[in-house]
Amino acid sequence: MKQLYIGVMSGTSMDGVDTALVAIEGNHIELIAHHDTPMPQTLKQRLMSVCIGQQTNLVEIGELDHLLGHLFAEAVNQLLEQSGYQASHIRAIGNHGQTVYHQPSGNAPFTLQLGDANIIATVTGIDTIADFRRKDMALGGQGAPLVPAFHRTIFQSQDSNIVVLNIGGIANISVLPTSGSVLGYDTGPGNMLMDAWCLKHTGKGFDKDAQFASQGQVSQKLLDTLLNDPYFALQAPKSTGREYFNLAWLEAHLVTHDLLAHDVQKTLCELSAQTIANEVKRFTKGPNPQLLVCGGGARNPLLMKRLEQLLNDWQVSSTSSKGVDSDYMEAMAFAWLAARRMDGLPSNLPEVTGASKLASLGVMYFAN
């Protein structure tokens, strides 16, 4: 029976809140409506401070949790108003929450997503599933990425491998092989470093159409320095975030380099392209391997051009070309994850996250 779910996603770029209303029937998932709610600038700045490890306190964390809960609820209600559906039509909301810190290794692994799901459920009147990552981590996994299981459901590889690439703040891949287990992990920076550098030097939150980067030249010396970071040599499963790849990380590497700002911007684009392509190349198999790109990076013409050049054996295209909106892929995924939780079905992939077993992820917050 077809049922309606709403997925809510606020990624590492913090540009806004993506909401997707989907109809799910078995393995068939249809995007019915979608909406983007901008992130208030003052809220984004407060979140950025926490994410990059600046000193904070429990009052700040509590207030951000509250404010995000209301922002996510408002985003859902705007989607409902726009689409003409009522809260009573929706079986559940799947809310990822805003990640402010992700530490999947060490003596005390943890991940923290903010956005009070009690507020979301109460304000929208819809049962809400949240806290998707920590069950996987309790089972020894990375808690990320969780989207590969969704990619496996909607894309079927046949005679050649398919890699689904999401370029948000962080870039991550889902590898759908012709046979065998699905793989998935974070390759490293996606838009995050480019956005931070662009904001600092142009006052704009992102480099629209790569206009800033296109003025520059790649610094091979800086690129080699950045590529030498140990994260890129780690074996999967692995995941990362803004707490690692941030402006402070970049500026620490820039100390010994005297470069024009647009040269740094172009080098950062090349860093994202090369670290992605280096991983994708490992999975070249079949006569027509496909790289399907989603997320904000799919709209960066310079980054997409470089991926096509570096992966000339691959067919590179947007997931939109396969009928799945590239901007709302992750929001759709969390609607699907909510459906899996409501039905008590497993939604992690231990071969991706490193968890010890399958689990149905997420915690229920009732509207009433």
Protein backbone atom coordinates (compact mmCIF):
# COMPACT_ATOMS: atom_id res chain seq x y z
CA MET A 1 0.00 0.00 0.00
CA LYS A 2 1.31 3.45 -0.93
CA GLN A 3 2.17 5.61 2.07
CA LEU A 4 3.40 9.19 2.38
CA TYR A 5 6.51 10.28 4.26
CA ILE A 6 8.46 13.51 4.61
CA GLY A 7 12.25 13.61 4.75
CA VAL A 8 14.09 16.57 6.27
CA MET A 9 17.77 17.18 5.58
CA SER A 10 20.15 19.94 6.65
CA GLY A 11 23.64 19.06 5.46
CA THR A 12 27.16 20.16 6.25
CA SER A 13 26.91 23.17 3.93
CA MET A 14 24.07 24.58 6.09
CA ASP A 15 22.60 26.48 3.14
CA GLY A 16 19.07 25.55 4.08
CA VAL A 17 16.63 22.83 5.04
CA ASP A 18 15.55 20.48 2.26
CA THR A 19 12.18 18.78 2.66
CA ALA A 20 10.83 16.05 0.40
CA LEU A 21 7.34 14.54 0.38
CA VAL A 22 7.51 11.05 -1.06
CA ALA A 23 5.14 8.20 -1.75
CA ILE A 24 6.59 4.79 -0.91
CA GLU A 25 5.17 1.48 -2.03
CA GLY A 26 7.55 -1.43 -1.68
CA ASN A 27 10.77 -0.44 -3.42
CA HIS A 28 9.05 2.23 -5.50
CA ILE A 29 9.72 5.76 -4.24
CA GLU A 30 8.11 8.77 -5.89
CA LEU A 31 8.93 12.41 -5.12
CA ILE A 32 5.57 14.19 -4.79
CA ALA A 33 6.68 17.65 -3.64
CA HIS A 34 9.75 19.39 -2.30
CA HIS A 35 10.69 22.66 -0.65
CA ASP A 36 13.84 24.49 0.45
CA THR A 37 13.77 26.68 3.56
CA PRO A 38 16.79 29.01 3.90
CA MET A 39 18.91 28.77 7.03
CA PRO A 40 18.78 32.11 8.93
CA GLN A 41 22.25 33.65 8.75
CA THR A 42 22.55 34.27 12.49
CA LEU A 43 21.65 30.64 13.22
CA LYS A 44 24.12 29.41 10.61
CA GLN A 45 26.91 31.48 12.16
CA ARG A 46 26.20 30.09 15.63
CA LEU A 47 26.20 26.54 14.28
CA MET A 48 29.43 27.10 12.38
CA SER A 49 31.14 28.20 15.58
CA VAL A 50 30.18 24.95 17.29
CA CYS A 51 31.06 22.78 14.30
CA ILE A 52 34.61 24.04 13.94
CA GLY A 53 35.34 23.45 17.61
CA GLN A 54 35.09 26.95 19.04
CA GLN A 55 34.40 27.06 22.76
CA THR A 56 30.74 26.54 23.58
CA ASN A 57 28.50 25.68 26.53
CA LEU A 58 25.36 23.74 27.35
CA VAL A 59 23.15 26.83 27.06
CA GLU A 60 24.30 27.40 23.47
CA ILE A 61 23.79 23.72 22.54
CA GLY A 62 20.34 23.69 24.14
CA GLU A 63 19.24 26.89 22.40
CA LEU A 64 20.47 25.67 19.01
CA ASP A 65 18.64 22.37 19.52
CA HIS A 66 15.43 24.30 20.24
CA LEU A 67 15.80 26.79 17.37
CA LEU A 68 16.56 24.05 14.86
CA GLY A 69 13.57 22.03 16.04
CA HIS A 70 11.31 24.96 15.20
CA LEU A 71 13.09 25.62 11.90
CA PHE A 72 12.66 22.00 10.80
CA ALA A 73 9.00 22.01 11.87
CA GLU A 74 8.41 25.26 9.96
CA ALA A 75 10.06 23.73 6.88
CA VAL A 76 7.70 20.73 7.04
CA ASN A 77 4.63 22.93 7.49
CA GLN A 78 5.68 25.09 4.53
CA LEU A 79 6.01 21.95 2.40
CA LEU A 80 2.54 20.78 3.44
CA GLU A 81 1.01 24.17 2.68
CA GLN A 82 2.69 24.30 -0.71
CA SER A 83 1.73 20.74 -1.65
CA GLY A 84 -1.87 20.84 -0.43
CA TYR A 85 -1.45 17.79 1.81
CA GLN A 86 -2.49 17.64 5.46
CA ALA A 87 -0.52 16.36 8.44
CA SER A 88 -3.02 13.51 8.72
CA HIS A 89 -1.94 12.23 5.28
CA ILE A 90 1.68 11.72 6.39
CA ARG A 91 2.69 8.52 8.16
CA ALA A 92 5.95 9.91 9.57
CA ILE A 93 8.74 12.45 9.20
CA GLY A 94 12.35 11.32 8.91
CA ASN A 95 14.60 14.07 10.28
CA HIS A 96 18.36 13.83 9.96
CA GLY A 97 19.08 16.80 12.22
CA GLN A 98 21.99 19.21 11.91
CA THR A 99 25.31 17.52 12.53
CA VAL A 100 27.53 19.72 14.70
CA TYR A 101 30.20 17.14 15.51
CA HIS A 102 31.06 13.69 14.22
CA GLN A 103 33.81 11.68 15.92
CA PRO A 104 33.43 8.07 14.81
CA SER A 105 36.76 6.82 16.19
CA GLY A 106 38.89 7.16 19.29
CA ASN A 107 38.25 6.20 22.91
CA ALA A 108 34.73 7.63 22.97
CA PRO A 109 33.14 7.64 19.48
CA PHE A 110 30.08 9.86 19.17
CA THR A 111 28.02 11.88 16.74
CA LEU A 112 25.79 14.83 17.58
CA GLN A 113 22.84 16.07 15.52
CA LEU A 114 20.72 18.97 16.80
CA GLY A 115 17.06 19.77 16.15
CA ASP A 116 14.63 18.73 18.90
CA ALA A 117 12.38 16.08 17.35
CA ASN A 118 9.83 16.56 20.16
CA ILE A 119 9.26 20.08 18.81
CA ILE A 120 9.02 18.83 15.23
CA ALA A 121 6.42 16.19 16.12
CA THR A 122 4.40 18.58 18.28
CA VAL A 123 4.40 21.57 15.91
CA THR A 124 3.68 19.54 12.77
CA GLY A 125 1.32 17.01 14.36
CA ILE A 126 3.25 14.18 12.64
CA ASP A 127 5.14 11.32 14.28
CA THR A 128 8.84 11.96 13.75
CA ILE A 129 11.82 9.61 13.47
CA ALA A 130 15.22 11.09 14.35
CA ASP A 131 18.59 10.12 15.84
CA PHE A 132 19.39 7.75 12.96
CA ARG A 133 23.14 7.49 13.41
CA ARG A 134 23.83 6.52 17.01
CA LYS A 135 22.37 2.98 16.89
CA ASP A 136 24.82 2.12 14.13
CA MET A 137 27.65 3.60 16.21
CA ALA A 138 26.53 1.63 19.26
CA LEU A 139 27.03 -1.44 17.08
CA GLY A 140 30.60 -0.39 16.34
CA GLY A 141 29.87 1.42 13.07
CA GLN A 142 30.75 4.88 11.79
CA GLY A 143 27.12 6.00 11.84
CA ALA A 144 27.69 7.19 8.27
CA PRO A 145 27.07 7.17 5.45
CA LEU A 146 23.48 5.92 5.71
CA VAL A 147 22.30 6.81 2.21
CA PRO A 148 23.94 3.89 0.31
CA ALA A 149 21.12 1.55 1.37
CA PHE A 150 18.66 3.95 -0.26
CA HIS A 151 20.78 4.20 -3.40
CA ARG A 152 20.78 0.40 -3.65
CA THR A 153 16.99 0.47 -3.57
CA ILE A 154 16.48 3.04 -6.34
CA PHE A 155 19.40 2.33 -8.69
CA GLN A 156 20.14 -1.12 -10.09
CA SER A 157 23.54 -1.93 -11.60
CA GLN A 158 23.52 -4.45 -14.44
CA ASP A 159 26.61 -5.08 -16.58
CA SER A 160 28.66 -2.18 -15.15
CA ASN A 161 29.27 -0.62 -11.77
CA ILE A 162 27.30 2.43 -10.69
CA VAL A 163 28.72 4.95 -8.22
CA VAL A 164 26.36 7.52 -6.71
CA LEU A 165 28.24 10.62 -5.63
CA ASN A 166 26.72 13.14 -3.26
CA ILE A 167 28.65 16.42 -3.20
CA GLY A 168 27.47 18.38 -0.20
CA GLY A 169 29.85 20.00 2.25
CA ILE A 170 31.51 16.59 2.38
CA ALA A 171 31.58 14.30 -0.66
CA ASN A 172 30.50 10.69 -0.24
CA ILE A 173 30.09 7.79 -2.60
CA SER A 174 27.84 4.74 -2.78
CA VAL A 175 29.30 1.93 -4.87
CA LEU A 176 26.67 -0.33 -6.45
CA PRO A 177 28.64 -3.23 -7.95
CA THR A 178 27.44 -5.65 -10.61
CA SER A 179 27.76 -8.33 -7.92
CA GLY A 180 28.68 -8.41 -4.26
CA SER A 181 28.19 -5.96 -1.42
CA VAL A 182 27.40 -2.26 -1.63
CA LEU A 183 30.20 0.02 -0.42
CA GLY A 184 30.07 3.62 0.70
CA TYR A 185 32.16 6.22 2.50
CA ASP A 186 33.17 9.88 2.65
CA THR A 187 35.89 10.72 0.14
CA GLY A 188 36.72 14.06 1.79
CA PRO A 189 35.78 17.70 1.13
CA GLY A 190 33.00 18.45 -1.31
CA ASN A 191 31.84 22.08 -1.27
CA MET A 192 32.83 22.83 2.30
CA LEU A 193 36.30 24.32 1.83
CA MET A 194 35.34 26.10 -1.39
CA ASP A 195 32.33 27.70 0.31
CA ALA A 196 34.33 28.82 3.36
CA TRP A 197 37.12 30.34 1.26
CA CYS A 198 34.66 32.03 -1.10
CA LEU A 199 32.76 33.56 1.82
CA LYS A 200 35.95 34.89 3.37
CA HIS A 201 37.24 36.51 0.18
CA THR A 202 34.08 37.53 -1.71
CA GLY A 203 31.41 37.76 0.98
CA LYS A 204 29.30 35.23 -0.94
CA GLY A 205 28.27 31.93 0.61
CA PHE A 206 29.28 29.88 -2.42
CA ASP A 207 31.03 30.28 -5.75
CA LYS A 208 28.08 30.55 -8.15
CA ASP A 209 28.88 28.87 -11.46
CA ALA A 210 32.53 28.64 -10.28
CA GLN A 211 33.07 32.26 -11.37
CA PHE A 212 35.64 32.95 -8.63
CA ALA A 213 37.57 29.70 -9.15
CA SER A 214 37.59 30.15 -12.93
CA GLN A 215 39.72 33.30 -12.54
CA GLY A 216 42.51 31.33 -10.91
CA GLN A 217 45.15 28.71 -11.60
CA VAL A 218 45.73 25.48 -9.71
CA SER A 219 48.74 25.60 -7.41
CA GLN A 220 50.28 22.15 -7.76
CA LYS A 221 52.45 22.75 -4.71
CA LEU A 222 49.45 23.54 -2.48
CA LEU A 223 47.42 20.72 -4.02
CA ASP A 224 50.17 18.19 -3.27
CA THR A 225 50.32 19.44 0.32
CA LEU A 226 46.55 19.07 0.78
CA LEU A 227 46.46 15.64 -0.88
CA ASN A 228 49.04 14.45 1.63
CA ASP A 229 46.51 14.65 4.46
CA PRO A 230 46.27 11.22 6.15
CA TYR A 231 42.47 11.06 5.79
CA PHE A 232 42.76 10.40 2.06
CA ALA A 233 44.94 7.32 2.69
CA LEU A 234 42.55 5.76 5.22
CA GLN A 235 40.72 2.61 4.21
CA ALA A 236 36.92 2.43 4.39
CA PRO A 237 34.78 2.43 6.40
CA LYS A 238 35.50 6.08 7.03
CA SER A 239 33.53 9.28 7.52
CA THR A 240 34.39 12.89 8.29
CA GLY A 241 32.90 16.36 8.58
CA ARG A 242 33.35 20.06 9.27
CA GLU A 243 35.07 19.35 12.57
CA TYR A 244 38.05 18.09 10.51
CA PHE A 245 37.96 19.78 7.08
CA ASN A 246 37.40 23.46 7.80
CA LEU A 247 38.94 26.88 7.21
CA ALA A 248 41.42 26.42 10.05
CA TRP A 249 42.62 23.17 8.44
CA LEU A 250 43.13 24.98 5.13
CA GLU A 251 44.84 28.03 6.61
CA ALA A 252 47.29 25.83 8.52
CA HIS A 253 48.43 24.49 5.13
CA LEU A 254 48.54 27.96 3.56
CA VAL A 255 51.16 29.29 5.98
CA THR A 256 53.99 28.33 3.64
CA HIS A 257 52.21 29.41 0.45
CA ASP A 258 51.76 32.94 -0.95
CA LEU A 259 48.85 32.66 -3.37
CA LEU A 260 46.11 34.82 -4.83
CA ALA A 261 42.69 34.07 -3.38
CA HIS A 262 41.22 32.84 -6.67
CA ASP A 263 44.19 30.49 -7.15
CA VAL A 264 43.40 28.92 -3.78
CA GLN A 265 39.73 28.63 -4.81
CA LYS A 266 40.59 26.78 -8.00
CA THR A 267 43.01 24.53 -6.12
CA LEU A 268 40.26 23.63 -3.64
CA CYS A 269 37.98 22.68 -6.52
CA GLU A 270 40.77 20.50 -7.91
CA LEU A 271 41.24 18.92 -4.48
CA SER A 272 37.59 17.88 -4.37
CA ALA A 273 37.70 16.62 -7.96
CA GLN A 274 40.87 14.58 -7.52
CA THR A 275 40.00 13.03 -4.16
CA ILE A 276 36.61 11.99 -5.54
CA ALA A 277 38.01 10.69 -8.84
CA ASN A 278 40.82 8.77 -7.13
CA GLU A 279 38.23 6.76 -5.20
CA VAL A 280 35.76 6.31 -8.06
CA LYS A 281 38.52 4.93 -10.34
CA ARG A 282 39.00 2.03 -7.93
CA PHE A 283 35.58 0.71 -8.91
CA THR A 284 35.84 0.87 -12.70
CA LYS A 285 34.13 -2.27 -13.96
CA GLY A 286 32.10 -3.10 -17.04
CA PRO A 287 31.72 -1.47 -20.46
CA ASN A 288 29.66 1.49 -19.24
CA PRO A 289 30.35 2.43 -15.61
CA GLN A 290 28.19 5.32 -14.46
CA LEU A 291 28.86 8.12 -11.98
CA LEU A 292 25.55 9.67 -10.88
CA VAL A 293 26.03 12.99 -9.09
CA CYS A 294 23.68 14.70 -6.64
CA GLY A 295 23.94 17.50 -4.08
CA GLY A 296 24.95 21.13 -4.50
CA GLY A 297 28.23 20.22 -6.17
CA ALA A 298 26.33 18.87 -9.17
CA ARG A 299 25.64 22.54 -10.05
CA ASN A 300 29.35 23.50 -10.04
CA PRO A 301 30.30 23.45 -13.74
CA LEU A 302 34.06 23.48 -13.10
CA LEU A 303 33.89 20.59 -10.66
CA MET A 304 31.66 18.56 -12.97
CA LYS A 305 33.97 19.27 -15.94
CA ARG A 306 37.00 18.10 -13.99
CA LEU A 307 35.23 14.92 -12.91
CA GLU A 308 34.40 14.17 -16.54
CA GLN A 309 38.04 14.76 -17.54
CA LEU A 310 39.51 12.72 -14.70
CA LEU A 311 37.00 9.89 -15.24
CA ASN A 312 37.00 9.62 -19.01
CA ASP A 313 36.08 5.92 -18.82
CA TRP A 314 32.93 6.78 -16.92
CA GLN A 315 29.58 8.19 -17.96
CA VAL A 316 29.19 11.19 -15.64
CA SER A 317 25.73 12.69 -15.19
CA SER A 318 23.33 14.07 -12.60
CA THR A 319 20.93 11.72 -10.80
CA SER A 320 18.20 13.98 -12.23
CA SER A 321 18.93 12.33 -15.60
CA LYS A 322 17.74 9.08 -13.98
CA GLY A 323 14.56 10.64 -12.65
CA VAL A 324 15.78 11.34 -9.11
CA ASP A 325 16.06 15.06 -8.28
CA SER A 326 19.73 15.73 -7.49
CA ASP A 327 18.88 18.49 -5.00
CA TYR A 328 16.51 16.40 -2.89
CA MET A 329 18.17 12.97 -2.95
CA GLU A 330 19.21 13.05 0.71
CA ALA A 331 15.87 14.35 1.97
CA MET A 332 14.20 11.51 0.05
CA ALA A 333 16.64 9.09 1.66
CA PHE A 334 15.61 10.11 5.17
CA ALA A 335 11.94 9.74 4.27
CA TRP A 336 12.83 6.19 3.19
CA LEU A 337 14.80 5.59 6.39
CA ALA A 338 11.73 6.68 8.37
CA ALA A 339 9.61 4.19 6.45
CA ARG A 340 12.08 1.42 7.25
CA ARG A 341 11.91 2.30 10.95
CA MET A 342 8.11 2.40 10.96
CA ASP A 343 8.06 -1.07 9.42
CA GLY A 344 10.83 -2.39 11.69
CA LEU A 345 13.11 -3.16 8.75
CA PRO A 346 16.92 -2.86 8.74
CA SER A 347 18.29 0.32 7.20
CA ASN A 348 22.04 0.29 7.79
CA LEU A 349 24.59 -1.61 5.75
CA PRO A 350 27.29 -3.11 8.02
CA GLU A 351 29.61 -3.51 5.04
CA VAL A 352 29.40 0.28 4.59
CA THR A 353 29.48 1.58 8.16
CA GLY A 354 31.40 -1.19 9.89
CA ALA A 355 28.55 -2.00 12.31
CA SER A 356 28.48 -5.50 13.75
CA LYS A 357 24.98 -6.27 12.44
CA LEU A 358 21.93 -4.98 10.60
CA ALA A 359 19.63 -2.65 12.52
CA SER A 360 16.51 -0.57 12.05
CA LEU A 361 17.77 2.94 12.69
CA GLY A 362 16.03 5.91 14.29
CA VAL A 363 14.04 6.81 17.38
CA MET A 364 10.31 7.58 17.35
CA TYR A 365 8.95 10.85 18.72
CA PHE A 366 5.15 10.76 18.85
CA ALA A 367 3.01 13.72 17.87
CA ASN A 368 0.49 12.90 20.62
